[in-house]
């Protein structure tokens, strides 16, 4: 199943991890599972074409991959972590 995620300028955060990592069910890299609160799930596998390249952006928002975002955020235990299927 392929899905499209539209990211608005008002909510420009997106978590590109697997769905399981987005929901906080697994964490293969960092000491705690979860995501930055408010991040919209856009699993990498759902955003790739048949050749493995990324699909074009849907929203008119320039985006950049910031691979350290959850690692940097979660390193501070005072910062909240969201889990579950909704951005909350």
C-alpha atoms as a PDB file:
ATOM      1  CA  UNK A   1       0.000   0.000   0.000  1.00  0.00           C
ATOM      2  CA  UNK A   2       1.331   3.423  -0.915  1.00  0.00           C
ATOM      3  CA  UNK A   3       0.236   6.477   1.017  1.00  0.00           C
ATOM      4  CA  UNK A   4       0.871  10.168   0.565  1.00  0.00           C
ATOM      5  CA  UNK A   5       1.616  12.458   3.468  1.00  0.00           C
ATOM      6  CA  UNK A   6       1.097  16.184   3.022  1.00  0.00           C
ATOM      7  CA  UNK A   7       3.151  18.319   5.370  1.00  0.00           C
ATOM      8  CA  UNK A   8       1.889  21.853   5.833  1.00  0.00           C
ATOM      9  CA  UNK A   9       3.959  24.925   6.570  1.00  0.00           C
ATOM     10  CA  UNK A  10       2.188  25.096   9.939  1.00  0.00           C
ATOM     11  CA  UNK A  11       3.313  21.544  10.859  1.00  0.00           C
ATOM     12  CA  UNK A  12       6.603  21.029   9.006  1.00  0.00           C
ATOM     13  CA  UNK A  13       7.888  18.142  11.166  1.00  0.00           C
ATOM     14  CA  UNK A  14       7.821  14.640   9.749  1.00  0.00           C
ATOM     15  CA  UNK A  15       9.195  11.389  11.104  1.00  0.00           C
ATOM     16  CA  UNK A  16      10.544   9.333   8.208  1.00  0.00           C
ATOM     17  CA  UNK A  17      11.254   6.232  10.263  1.00  0.00           C
ATOM     18  CA  UNK A  18       9.462   2.906   9.990  1.00  0.00           C
ATOM     19  CA  UNK A  19       5.891   2.866  11.272  1.00  0.00           C
ATOM     20  CA  UNK A  20       6.969   0.739  14.269  1.00  0.00           C
ATOM     21  CA  UNK A  21       9.689   3.211  15.216  1.00  0.00           C
ATOM     22  CA  UNK A  22       7.303   6.174  14.741  1.00  0.00           C
ATOM     23  CA  UNK A  23       4.818   4.584  17.151  1.00  0.00           C
ATOM     24  CA  UNK A  24       7.599   3.985  19.698  1.00  0.00           C
ATOM     25  CA  UNK A  25       7.301   0.201  19.513  1.00  0.00           C
ATOM     26  CA  UNK A  26      10.970  -0.289  18.657  1.00  0.00           C
ATOM     27  CA  UNK A  27      14.120   1.808  18.880  1.00  0.00           C
ATOM     28  CA  UNK A  28      17.215   0.378  17.203  1.00  0.00           C
ATOM     29  CA  UNK A  29      19.455   3.442  17.636  1.00  0.00           C
ATOM     30  CA  UNK A  30      18.573   5.670  20.574  1.00  0.00           C
ATOM     31  CA  UNK A  31      18.209   4.968  24.310  1.00  0.00           C
ATOM     32  CA  UNK A  32      14.474   5.708  24.334  1.00  0.00           C
ATOM     33  CA  UNK A  33      11.702   5.125  21.827  1.00  0.00           C
ATOM     34  CA  UNK A  34       9.281   7.687  20.453  1.00  0.00           C
ATOM     35  CA  UNK A  35       9.367  10.840  18.360  1.00  0.00           C
ATOM     36  CA  UNK A  36       9.297  14.597  18.712  1.00  0.00           C
ATOM     37  CA  UNK A  37       5.708  15.501  19.751  1.00  0.00           C
ATOM     38  CA  UNK A  38       3.679  16.757  16.796  1.00  0.00           C
ATOM     39  CA  UNK A  39       5.737  14.946  14.143  1.00  0.00           C
ATOM     40  CA  UNK A  40       3.650  13.468  11.354  1.00  0.00           C
ATOM     41  CA  UNK A  41       4.473   9.894  10.340  1.00  0.00           C
ATOM     42  CA  UNK A  42       5.850   9.550   6.822  1.00  0.00           C
ATOM     43  CA  UNK A  43       7.561   6.145   6.793  1.00  0.00           C
ATOM     44  CA  UNK A  44      10.486   6.089   4.384  1.00  0.00           C
ATOM     45  CA  UNK A  45       9.261   2.921   2.684  1.00  0.00           C
ATOM     46  CA  UNK A  46       5.989   4.634   1.749  1.00  0.00           C
ATOM     47  CA  UNK A  47       7.830   7.584   0.190  1.00  0.00           C
ATOM     48  CA  UNK A  48      10.027   5.755  -2.303  1.00  0.00           C
ATOM     49  CA  UNK A  49       9.490   4.917  -5.935  1.00  0.00           C
ATOM     50  CA  UNK A  50      10.108   1.528  -7.565  1.00  0.00           C
ATOM     51  CA  UNK A  51      13.791   2.388  -8.136  1.00  0.00           C
ATOM     52  CA  UNK A  52      14.288   3.267  -4.455  1.00  0.00           C
ATOM     53  CA  UNK A  53      14.408   7.037  -4.929  1.00  0.00           C
ATOM     54  CA  UNK A  54      12.283   9.431  -2.910  1.00  0.00           C
ATOM     55  CA  UNK A  55       8.948  10.511  -4.352  1.00  0.00           C
ATOM     56  CA  UNK A  56       8.563  14.235  -5.138  1.00  0.00           C
ATOM     57  CA  UNK A  57       7.372  16.498  -2.332  1.00  0.00           C
ATOM     58  CA  UNK A  58       3.607  16.868  -2.108  1.00  0.00           C
ATOM     59  CA  UNK A  59       3.334  20.132  -0.173  1.00  0.00           C
ATOM     60  CA  UNK A  60       4.885  23.373  -1.326  1.00  0.00           C
ATOM     61  CA  UNK A  61       7.316  23.215   1.583  1.00  0.00           C
ATOM     62  CA  UNK A  62      11.020  22.725   1.098  1.00  0.00           C
ATOM     63  CA  UNK A  63      12.191  19.871   3.273  1.00  0.00           C
ATOM     64  CA  UNK A  64      15.579  18.643   4.326  1.00  0.00           C
ATOM     65  CA  UNK A  65      16.588  15.382   5.916  1.00  0.00           C
ATOM     66  CA  UNK A  66      17.903  15.933   9.418  1.00  0.00           C
ATOM     67  CA  UNK A  67      18.973  12.443  10.499  1.00  0.00           C
ATOM     68  CA  UNK A  68      19.958  13.469  14.017  1.00  0.00           C
ATOM     69  CA  UNK A  69      16.668  15.068  15.008  1.00  0.00           C
ATOM     70  CA  UNK A  70      15.269  12.293  17.228  1.00  0.00           C
ATOM     71  CA  UNK A  71      18.721  11.354  18.524  1.00  0.00           C
ATOM     72  CA  UNK A  72      19.434  14.936  19.559  1.00  0.00           C
ATOM     73  CA  UNK A  73      15.921  15.486  20.965  1.00  0.00           C
ATOM     74  CA  UNK A  74      15.789  12.243  22.948  1.00  0.00           C
ATOM     75  CA  UNK A  75      19.249  12.745  24.458  1.00  0.00           C
ATOM     76  CA  UNK A  76      17.672  15.268  26.853  1.00  0.00           C
ATOM     77  CA  UNK A  77      15.436  13.317  29.262  1.00  0.00           C
ATOM     78  CA  UNK A  78      13.543  16.517  30.108  1.00  0.00           C
ATOM     79  CA  UNK A  79      12.103  16.683  26.599  1.00  0.00           C
ATOM     80  CA  UNK A  80       8.806  14.852  26.029  1.00  0.00           C
ATOM     81  CA  UNK A  81       8.511  11.879  23.705  1.00  0.00           C
ATOM     82  CA  UNK A  82       5.334  11.023  21.830  1.00  0.00           C
ATOM     83  CA  UNK A  83       4.354   7.415  21.102  1.00  0.00           C
ATOM     84  CA  UNK A  84       1.380   5.723  19.471  1.00  0.00           C
ATOM     85  CA  UNK A  85      -0.183   6.115  16.030  1.00  0.00           C
ATOM     86  CA  UNK A  86      -1.146   9.817  16.255  1.00  0.00           C
ATOM     87  CA  UNK A  87       1.173  12.866  16.095  1.00  0.00           C
ATOM     88  CA  UNK A  88       0.154  14.125  19.571  1.00  0.00           C
END
